């Protein structure tokens, strides 16, 4: 299996997005799946710019952003793997102790496109003329990430629309049809740079402990 990311999207969680985030952090700490914030070296970029450059960390400890900046709604949602990180994958003995590079636990009022990137393309289709609009979608995402970087605030992607260059009509992102399986969510777990598939029993365990179903989406890097 080549390097990729996996998203666990909560589908029927009854609490708030903030409660979801805290519940996942608590559970993952108890299970020793995470161990502190992910603090790899990074270029001096804002937190939202790092979304565009996968592998850069959210760097509150490096003082690239202010810890008391309320507009960021606690960006410290990237965590390093813990000692049991490999045990949630299908073949932990083959990973040699490796699991994932870092995990993002997202829980805000803002909905995000999941997966947030794909080297294979989304296969996005205009809802009006049926033309392929992948290039328009990527332009929208890049523009959105730039706006987030400049404003240091997160944009709710459920409010965005993609404009087709051929027919000049817009399709709301929440209604966009894609060949790649996608969704909009404000409650999800994103394990980055993995080399194995998640174990089904581990996903069920998460679901049972958190009281919600998880939709599992893989993103090829």
Protein backbone atom coordinates (compact mmCIF):
# COMPACT_ATOMS: atom_id res chain seq x y z
CA UNK A 1 0.00 0.00 0.00
CA UNK A 2 1.37 3.40 -0.95
CA UNK A 3 1.35 6.38 1.37
CA UNK A 4 -2.06 7.95 1.86
CA UNK A 5 -4.39 9.58 4.36
CA UNK A 6 -7.58 8.29 5.93
CA UNK A 7 -10.60 10.23 7.17
CA UNK A 8 -13.07 8.95 9.75
CA UNK A 9 -16.17 11.10 9.33
CA UNK A 10 -18.66 11.08 12.21
CA UNK A 11 -22.18 10.69 10.86
CA UNK A 12 -24.57 10.60 13.81
CA UNK A 13 -22.68 12.17 16.70
CA UNK A 14 -25.21 13.79 19.04
CA UNK A 15 -22.99 16.35 20.73
CA UNK A 16 -21.55 19.61 19.46
CA UNK A 17 -18.49 19.75 17.22
CA UNK A 18 -16.39 20.97 20.14
CA UNK A 19 -17.62 18.07 22.29
CA UNK A 20 -16.74 15.62 19.51
CA UNK A 21 -13.21 16.97 19.36
CA UNK A 22 -12.70 16.76 23.13
CA UNK A 23 -14.16 13.24 23.27
CA UNK A 24 -11.81 12.01 20.54
CA UNK A 25 -8.78 13.65 22.18
CA UNK A 26 -9.67 12.06 25.52
CA UNK A 27 -10.25 8.63 23.97
CA UNK A 28 -7.07 8.68 21.87
CA UNK A 29 -5.02 9.73 24.90
CA UNK A 30 -6.53 6.93 26.98
CA UNK A 31 -5.76 4.40 24.22
CA UNK A 32 -2.24 5.88 23.77
CA UNK A 33 -2.91 6.49 20.09
CA UNK A 34 -1.61 10.05 20.34
CA UNK A 35 1.23 11.59 22.32
CA UNK A 36 1.25 15.38 22.41
CA UNK A 37 1.10 17.92 19.61
CA UNK A 38 2.74 17.26 16.25
CA UNK A 39 5.64 19.72 16.01
CA UNK A 40 7.70 18.89 12.93
CA UNK A 41 9.80 21.67 11.46
CA UNK A 42 7.79 24.02 9.28
CA UNK A 43 8.18 27.09 7.14
CA UNK A 44 6.94 30.36 8.71
CA UNK A 45 3.43 30.08 7.31
CA UNK A 46 0.04 30.66 8.90
CA UNK A 47 -1.89 27.64 10.16
CA UNK A 48 -4.35 27.56 7.29
CA UNK A 49 -1.58 27.75 4.70
CA UNK A 50 -0.27 24.52 6.16
CA UNK A 51 -3.44 22.77 4.98
CA UNK A 52 -2.15 23.31 1.44
CA UNK A 53 1.26 21.91 2.31
CA UNK A 54 0.51 18.51 3.83
CA UNK A 55 3.17 17.48 6.30
CA UNK A 56 3.63 20.94 7.83
CA UNK A 57 2.45 21.15 11.43
CA UNK A 58 0.10 23.43 13.30
CA UNK A 59 2.73 25.27 15.21
CA UNK A 60 1.53 26.93 18.31
CA UNK A 61 4.70 25.85 20.11
CA UNK A 62 6.83 27.50 17.42
CA UNK A 63 4.87 30.73 17.98
CA UNK A 64 3.81 31.07 14.35
CA UNK A 65 0.33 31.82 15.65
CA UNK A 66 -0.86 33.24 18.93
CA UNK A 67 -2.12 30.77 21.51
CA UNK A 68 -4.82 33.22 22.59
CA UNK A 69 -6.10 33.97 19.08
CA UNK A 70 -9.78 33.16 19.58
CA UNK A 71 -10.57 33.42 15.86
CA UNK A 72 -8.65 30.18 15.30
CA UNK A 73 -11.01 28.21 17.57
CA UNK A 74 -8.10 26.26 19.12
CA UNK A 75 -6.03 25.18 16.11
CA UNK A 76 -4.05 22.74 18.23
CA UNK A 77 -5.73 19.79 16.63
CA UNK A 78 -2.71 18.01 15.15
CA UNK A 79 -1.24 15.23 17.26
CA UNK A 80 1.78 12.93 17.09
CA UNK A 81 1.26 9.13 17.21
CA UNK A 82 1.39 7.38 20.55
CA UNK A 83 2.94 4.03 21.47
CA UNK A 84 -0.20 2.09 20.43
CA UNK A 85 -0.71 3.94 17.17
CA UNK A 86 0.12 0.94 14.97
CA UNK A 87 -2.38 -1.36 16.73
CA UNK A 88 -5.40 0.14 14.94
CA UNK A 89 -4.16 -0.98 11.51
CA UNK A 90 -4.78 -4.26 9.72
CA UNK A 91 -1.17 -5.50 9.80
CA UNK A 92 0.55 -3.85 12.81
CA UNK A 93 3.36 -6.39 12.88
CA UNK A 94 4.43 -5.34 9.37
CA UNK A 95 4.60 -1.64 10.28
CA UNK A 96 7.55 -2.08 12.59
CA UNK A 97 6.10 0.31 15.15
CA UNK A 98 5.24 2.97 12.58
CA UNK A 99 1.62 4.04 12.31
CA UNK A 100 0.80 7.51 11.00
CA UNK A 101 2.83 10.71 10.87
CA UNK A 102 0.18 12.80 12.61
CA UNK A 103 -3.57 12.93 13.16
CA UNK A 104 -5.86 15.93 12.76
CA UNK A 105 -8.93 15.99 15.01
CA UNK A 106 -11.40 18.45 13.50
CA UNK A 107 -14.34 19.72 15.51
CA UNK A 108 -15.57 23.24 14.72
CA UNK A 109 -18.80 24.77 13.46
CA UNK A 110 -17.26 25.05 9.98
CA UNK A 111 -17.76 22.27 7.45
CA UNK A 112 -14.80 21.12 5.38
CA UNK A 113 -14.49 19.18 2.13
CA UNK A 114 -13.34 15.62 2.85
CA UNK A 115 -10.94 14.54 1.44
CA UNK A 116 -9.42 18.02 1.27
CA UNK A 117 -7.04 17.08 -1.58
CA UNK A 118 -6.48 14.33 -4.13
CA UNK A 119 -3.64 13.82 -6.56
CA UNK A 120 -5.95 11.60 -8.64
CA UNK A 121 -8.54 14.37 -8.99
CA UNK A 122 -12.11 14.59 -7.72
CA UNK A 123 -13.98 13.96 -10.97
CA UNK A 124 -16.24 16.93 -10.16
CA UNK A 125 -19.24 17.39 -12.48
CA UNK A 126 -21.19 20.58 -13.21
CA UNK A 127 -24.79 20.05 -12.10
CA UNK A 128 -26.07 22.10 -15.08
CA UNK A 129 -24.11 21.13 -18.22
CA UNK A 130 -22.40 17.97 -16.89
CA UNK A 131 -18.94 19.24 -17.82
CA UNK A 132 -15.93 18.23 -15.78
CA UNK A 133 -15.04 21.03 -13.35
CA UNK A 134 -12.04 19.68 -11.44
CA UNK A 135 -9.89 22.66 -12.40
CA UNK A 136 -12.58 25.07 -11.18
CA UNK A 137 -12.87 23.12 -7.92
CA UNK A 138 -9.12 23.23 -7.30
CA UNK A 139 -9.09 26.96 -8.03
CA UNK A 140 -11.88 27.43 -5.48
CA UNK A 141 -10.03 25.40 -2.85
CA UNK A 142 -6.74 27.24 -3.43
CA UNK A 143 -8.52 30.60 -3.24
CA UNK A 144 -10.26 29.53 -0.03
CA UNK A 145 -7.02 28.38 1.61
CA UNK A 146 -5.35 31.66 0.65
CA UNK A 147 -8.21 33.64 2.18
CA UNK A 148 -7.95 31.59 5.37
CA UNK A 149 -4.22 32.20 5.51
CA UNK A 150 -4.63 35.95 5.07
CA UNK A 151 -7.49 36.27 7.58
CA UNK A 152 -6.25 33.60 10.05
CA UNK A 153 -9.80 32.28 10.25
CA UNK A 154 -11.52 29.15 9.00
CA UNK A 155 -14.14 29.32 6.24
CA UNK A 156 -17.28 27.18 6.29
CA UNK A 157 -17.02 25.31 2.99
CA UNK A 158 -20.72 24.44 2.99
CA UNK A 159 -21.31 28.06 1.94
CA UNK A 160 -19.07 27.81 -1.16
CA UNK A 161 -20.06 27.21 -4.79
CA UNK A 162 -18.08 26.13 -7.86
CA UNK A 163 -18.64 28.13 -11.07
CA UNK A 164 -18.38 26.16 -14.31
CA UNK A 165 -16.23 27.87 -16.95
CA UNK A 166 -18.30 26.40 -19.79
CA UNK A 167 -21.84 27.37 -18.78
CA UNK A 168 -20.96 30.02 -16.16
CA UNK A 169 -23.44 28.55 -13.67
CA UNK A 170 -22.65 27.66 -10.09
CA UNK A 171 -23.03 24.43 -8.13
CA UNK A 172 -23.01 24.61 -4.30
CA UNK A 173 -20.21 22.52 -2.85
CA UNK A 174 -22.75 20.71 -0.67
CA UNK A 175 -24.51 19.52 -3.87
CA UNK A 176 -21.43 18.80 -5.99
CA UNK A 177 -21.28 15.36 -7.60
CA UNK A 178 -17.81 13.80 -7.75
CA UNK A 179 -16.42 10.48 -8.97
CA UNK A 180 -14.21 10.35 -5.88
CA UNK A 181 -16.23 9.67 -2.74
CA UNK A 182 -16.43 12.97 -0.84
CA UNK A 183 -18.48 14.67 1.84
CA UNK A 184 -18.71 17.90 3.82
CA UNK A 185 -18.19 17.48 7.55
CA UNK A 186 -17.36 19.47 10.68
CA UNK A 187 -16.59 16.38 12.78
CA UNK A 188 -13.84 14.09 11.53
CA UNK A 189 -10.52 12.43 12.31
CA UNK A 190 -7.77 12.60 9.67
CA UNK A 191 -4.77 10.27 10.03
CA UNK A 192 -2.03 11.43 7.71
CA UNK A 193 0.74 9.56 5.92
CA UNK A 194 -0.34 6.00 6.70
CA UNK A 195 0.98 2.80 5.07
CA UNK A 196 -1.78 0.35 5.93
CA UNK A 197 -5.57 0.18 6.07
CA UNK A 198 -7.39 0.70 9.34
CA UNK A 199 -8.57 -2.43 11.08
CA UNK A 200 -12.39 -2.72 10.87
CA UNK A 201 -12.55 -3.80 14.50
CA UNK A 202 -10.68 -0.64 15.55
CA UNK A 203 -13.14 1.58 13.67
CA UNK A 204 -16.05 -0.25 15.32
CA UNK A 205 -14.39 0.23 18.70
CA UNK A 206 -14.13 3.98 18.06
CA UNK A 207 -17.80 4.02 17.05
CA UNK A 208 -18.91 2.13 20.16
CA UNK A 209 -16.89 4.29 22.53
CA UNK A 210 -17.90 7.60 20.96
CA UNK A 211 -21.52 6.64 20.28
CA UNK A 212 -21.50 7.43 16.57
CA UNK A 213 -20.96 5.78 13.18
CA UNK A 214 -17.83 6.53 11.17
CA UNK A 215 -17.65 6.77 7.39
CA UNK A 216 -14.13 5.84 6.31
CA UNK A 217 -12.62 7.65 3.31
CA UNK A 218 -9.09 7.09 1.98
CA UNK A 219 -7.14 9.79 0.13
CA UNK A 220 -4.24 8.75 -2.12
CA UNK A 221 -1.27 11.09 -1.81
